[in-house]
Structure formats: structure tokens, C-alpha cells
């Protein structure tokens, strides 16, 4: 029974801390400091990706299972923070609205009609 408590505590810790740690690692301070040292920059980048890769599936399990609403809300918040951290890490210069805009090269479509 004690080992089950440890597993649940570890999963809740993943849900709670992967998002904020990812945001901290992608902050402007860390970004600028590690940008001058390429090895540290790549290590930081891999850490952000690994945290999101580990945390987001656990958060999705917590979101879609029947558990208390408070834990679901924390999981949803952690998932959102991980999403923001991944966006800040890999597509930092693209605004959110441009990420979801459909870019069609069709001159006959609605965007091509003047």
C-alpha cells in the first residue's frame, strides 16, 4: 500500500511541476544565458522537450479519468503551461493567432478573391 501512495505522489508531482519548470526553463533570462553556450542551450532544449513528453501524457490521463475536479483543474493548468513552454521553446517568434491560421495558396479560394 505504501508503494501505491509513492506512485500516486510521483504522478501528482509530475502533473504539478512539469509545466512551471518548463516555463522557467524557457524564460527570457534562461534563454539569453544559454544562447551564448550552445551545449547548455541544447541541454536546456532537450530538458524542456523531455519534461513535456513525460508530463503531458500523465496530465491527459488525469484530465480524462474520473478523479476529483481539483486535480483535473491542476492537470489542465499543467497541460496548458506545458503547451506554452513548448511554444516558447520551439516556435518563439510566431504569434499564437498565426499558428492556427490556414495559409492557402489557392487563388480561387476566399483569400484569393478581392
C-alpha atoms as a PDB file:
ATOM      1  CA  UNK A   1       0.000   0.000   0.000  1.00  0.00           C
ATOM      2  CA  UNK A   2       2.893   2.334   0.737  1.00  0.00           C
ATOM      3  CA  UNK A   3       4.324   1.867  -2.747  1.00  0.00           C
ATOM      4  CA  UNK A   4       0.975   2.807  -4.307  1.00  0.00           C
ATOM      5  CA  UNK A   5       0.991   6.061  -2.360  1.00  0.00           C
ATOM      6  CA  UNK A   6       4.507   6.777  -3.639  1.00  0.00           C
ATOM      7  CA  UNK A   7       3.454   6.141  -7.250  1.00  0.00           C
ATOM      8  CA  UNK A   8       0.426   8.431  -6.940  1.00  0.00           C
ATOM      9  CA  UNK A   9       2.533  11.120  -5.236  1.00  0.00           C
ATOM     10  CA  UNK A  10       5.086  10.880  -8.059  1.00  0.00           C
ATOM     11  CA  UNK A  11       2.360  11.188 -10.722  1.00  0.00           C
ATOM     12  CA  UNK A  12       0.796  14.195  -8.985  1.00  0.00           C
ATOM     13  CA  UNK A  13       4.249  15.785  -8.714  1.00  0.00           C
ATOM     14  CA  UNK A  14       4.700  15.289 -12.472  1.00  0.00           C
ATOM     15  CA  UNK A  15       1.354  16.936 -13.106  1.00  0.00           C
ATOM     16  CA  UNK A  16       2.120  19.872 -10.835  1.00  0.00           C
ATOM     17  CA  UNK A  17       5.748  20.634 -11.616  1.00  0.00           C
ATOM     18  CA  UNK A  18       6.496  19.850 -15.280  1.00  0.00           C
ATOM     19  CA  UNK A  19       4.627  22.903 -16.597  1.00  0.00           C
ATOM     20  CA  UNK A  20       6.148  25.516 -14.259  1.00  0.00           C
ATOM     21  CA  UNK A  21       9.649  24.066 -14.653  1.00  0.00           C
ATOM     22  CA  UNK A  22       9.217  24.149 -18.431  1.00  0.00           C
ATOM     23  CA  UNK A  23       8.106  27.790 -18.256  1.00  0.00           C
ATOM     24  CA  UNK A  24      11.058  28.638 -16.050  1.00  0.00           C
ATOM     25  CA  UNK A  25      13.489  26.992 -18.476  1.00  0.00           C
ATOM     26  CA  UNK A  26      12.005  28.912 -21.415  1.00  0.00           C
ATOM     27  CA  UNK A  27      12.011  32.281 -19.658  1.00  0.00           C
ATOM     28  CA  UNK A  28      13.884  35.139 -21.306  1.00  0.00           C
ATOM     29  CA  UNK A  29      16.576  35.026 -18.608  1.00  0.00           C
ATOM     30  CA  UNK A  30      17.419  31.344 -19.205  1.00  0.00           C
ATOM     31  CA  UNK A  31      17.017  31.713 -22.971  1.00  0.00           C
ATOM     32  CA  UNK A  32      19.506  34.594 -23.190  1.00  0.00           C
ATOM     33  CA  UNK A  33      22.003  32.997 -20.795  1.00  0.00           C
ATOM     34  CA  UNK A  34      22.087  29.621 -22.540  1.00  0.00           C
ATOM     35  CA  UNK A  35      22.034  31.082 -26.058  1.00  0.00           C
ATOM     36  CA  UNK A  36      25.700  32.066 -25.759  1.00  0.00           C
ATOM     37  CA  UNK A  37      26.714  28.497 -24.758  1.00  0.00           C
ATOM     38  CA  UNK A  38      25.419  26.104 -27.425  1.00  0.00           C
ATOM     39  CA  UNK A  39      25.918  22.909 -25.395  1.00  0.00           C
ATOM     40  CA  UNK A  40      23.948  24.284 -22.450  1.00  0.00           C
ATOM     41  CA  UNK A  41      21.331  25.624 -24.872  1.00  0.00           C
ATOM     42  CA  UNK A  42      20.795  22.171 -26.387  1.00  0.00           C
ATOM     43  CA  UNK A  43      20.669  20.536 -22.958  1.00  0.00           C
ATOM     44  CA  UNK A  44      18.034  23.069 -21.843  1.00  0.00           C
ATOM     45  CA  UNK A  45      16.075  22.438 -25.019  1.00  0.00           C
ATOM     46  CA  UNK A  46      16.165  18.685 -24.503  1.00  0.00           C
ATOM     47  CA  UNK A  47      15.076  19.141 -20.875  1.00  0.00           C
ATOM     48  CA  UNK A  48      12.042  21.205 -21.910  1.00  0.00           C
ATOM     49  CA  UNK A  49      11.049  18.616 -24.516  1.00  0.00           C
ATOM     50  CA  UNK A  50      11.599  15.719 -22.099  1.00  0.00           C
ATOM     51  CA  UNK A  51       9.568  17.374 -19.343  1.00  0.00           C
ATOM     52  CA  UNK A  52       6.679  17.958 -21.741  1.00  0.00           C
ATOM     53  CA  UNK A  53       6.963  14.441 -23.174  1.00  0.00           C
ATOM     54  CA  UNK A  54       6.781  12.963 -19.678  1.00  0.00           C
ATOM     55  CA  UNK A  55       4.267  15.360 -18.133  1.00  0.00           C
ATOM     56  CA  UNK A  56       1.658  15.837 -20.842  1.00  0.00           C
ATOM     57  CA  UNK A  57       0.521  12.179 -21.151  1.00  0.00           C
ATOM     58  CA  UNK A  58       0.162  11.909 -17.370  1.00  0.00           C
ATOM     59  CA  UNK A  59      -1.816  15.143 -17.346  1.00  0.00           C
ATOM     60  CA  UNK A  60      -4.089  13.835 -20.100  1.00  0.00           C
ATOM     61  CA  UNK A  61      -4.726  10.653 -18.091  1.00  0.00           C
ATOM     62  CA  UNK A  62      -5.696  12.768 -15.097  1.00  0.00           C
ATOM     63  CA  UNK A  63      -7.920  15.026 -17.223  1.00  0.00           C
ATOM     64  CA  UNK A  64      -9.907  12.216 -18.858  1.00  0.00           C
ATOM     65  CA  UNK A  65     -10.314   9.878 -15.864  1.00  0.00           C
ATOM     66  CA  UNK A  66     -12.885  10.110 -13.110  1.00  0.00           C
ATOM     67  CA  UNK A  67     -10.970  11.883 -10.364  1.00  0.00           C
ATOM     68  CA  UNK A  68     -11.789  14.934  -8.208  1.00  0.00           C
ATOM     69  CA  UNK A  69     -12.317  18.212 -10.017  1.00  0.00           C
ATOM     70  CA  UNK A  70      -9.457  19.988  -8.250  1.00  0.00           C
ATOM     71  CA  UNK A  71      -6.887  17.503  -9.527  1.00  0.00           C
ATOM     72  CA  UNK A  72      -8.433  17.736 -13.004  1.00  0.00           C
ATOM     73  CA  UNK A  73      -8.123  21.519 -12.915  1.00  0.00           C
ATOM     74  CA  UNK A  74      -4.467  21.288 -11.852  1.00  0.00           C
ATOM     75  CA  UNK A  75      -3.840  18.793 -14.643  1.00  0.00           C
ATOM     76  CA  UNK A  76      -5.463  21.090 -17.183  1.00  0.00           C
ATOM     77  CA  UNK A  77      -3.396  24.012 -15.913  1.00  0.00           C
ATOM     78  CA  UNK A  78      -0.219  21.930 -16.125  1.00  0.00           C
ATOM     79  CA  UNK A  79      -1.086  20.850 -19.659  1.00  0.00           C
ATOM     80  CA  UNK A  80      -1.630  24.470 -20.675  1.00  0.00           C
ATOM     81  CA  UNK A  81       1.674  25.503 -19.098  1.00  0.00           C
ATOM     82  CA  UNK A  82       3.498  22.695 -20.913  1.00  0.00           C
ATOM     83  CA  UNK A  83       1.895  23.781 -24.187  1.00  0.00           C
ATOM     84  CA  UNK A  84       3.019  27.374 -23.629  1.00  0.00           C
ATOM     85  CA  UNK A  85       6.524  26.188 -22.706  1.00  0.00           C
ATOM     86  CA  UNK A  86       6.782  24.092 -25.891  1.00  0.00           C
ATOM     87  CA  UNK A  87       5.559  27.012 -27.995  1.00  0.00           C
ATOM     88  CA  UNK A  88       8.043  29.370 -26.342  1.00  0.00           C
ATOM     89  CA  UNK A  89      10.852  26.896 -26.905  1.00  0.00           C
ATOM     90  CA  UNK A  90      10.334  25.810 -30.499  1.00  0.00           C
ATOM     91  CA  UNK A  91       8.226  28.497 -32.225  1.00  0.00           C
ATOM     92  CA  UNK A  92       9.018  31.554 -30.102  1.00  0.00           C
ATOM     93  CA  UNK A  93       8.707  34.182 -32.848  1.00  0.00           C
ATOM     94  CA  UNK A  94       5.362  33.047 -34.273  1.00  0.00           C
ATOM     95  CA  UNK A  95       2.278  34.620 -32.628  1.00  0.00           C
ATOM     96  CA  UNK A  96      -0.485  32.292 -31.400  1.00  0.00           C
ATOM     97  CA  UNK A  97      -3.018  33.593 -33.923  1.00  0.00           C
ATOM     98  CA  UNK A  98      -0.657  32.879 -36.814  1.00  0.00           C
ATOM     99  CA  UNK A  99      -0.092  29.294 -35.684  1.00  0.00           C
ATOM    100  CA  UNK A 100      -3.727  28.392 -36.293  1.00  0.00           C
ATOM    101  CA  UNK A 101      -4.308  30.481 -39.398  1.00  0.00           C
ATOM    102  CA  UNK A 102      -4.939  28.448 -42.532  1.00  0.00           C
ATOM    103  CA  UNK A 103      -2.499  29.514 -45.218  1.00  0.00           C
ATOM    104  CA  UNK A 104      -3.855  28.519 -48.553  1.00  0.00           C
ATOM    105  CA  UNK A 105      -2.150  29.304 -51.824  1.00  0.00           C
ATOM    106  CA  UNK A 106      -5.400  28.791 -53.734  1.00  0.00           C
ATOM    107  CA  UNK A 107      -6.073  31.954 -55.769  1.00  0.00           C
ATOM    108  CA  UNK A 108      -9.657  30.829 -56.387  1.00  0.00           C
ATOM    109  CA  UNK A 109     -10.491  30.448 -52.701  1.00  0.00           C
ATOM    110  CA  UNK A 110     -11.918  33.075 -50.368  1.00  0.00           C
ATOM    111  CA  UNK A 111      -8.491  34.513 -49.555  1.00  0.00           C
ATOM    112  CA  UNK A 112      -7.664  34.945 -53.250  1.00  0.00           C
ATOM    113  CA  UNK A 113     -10.828  36.873 -54.129  1.00  0.00           C
ATOM    114  CA  UNK A 114     -10.628  40.649 -53.968  1.00  0.00           C
END
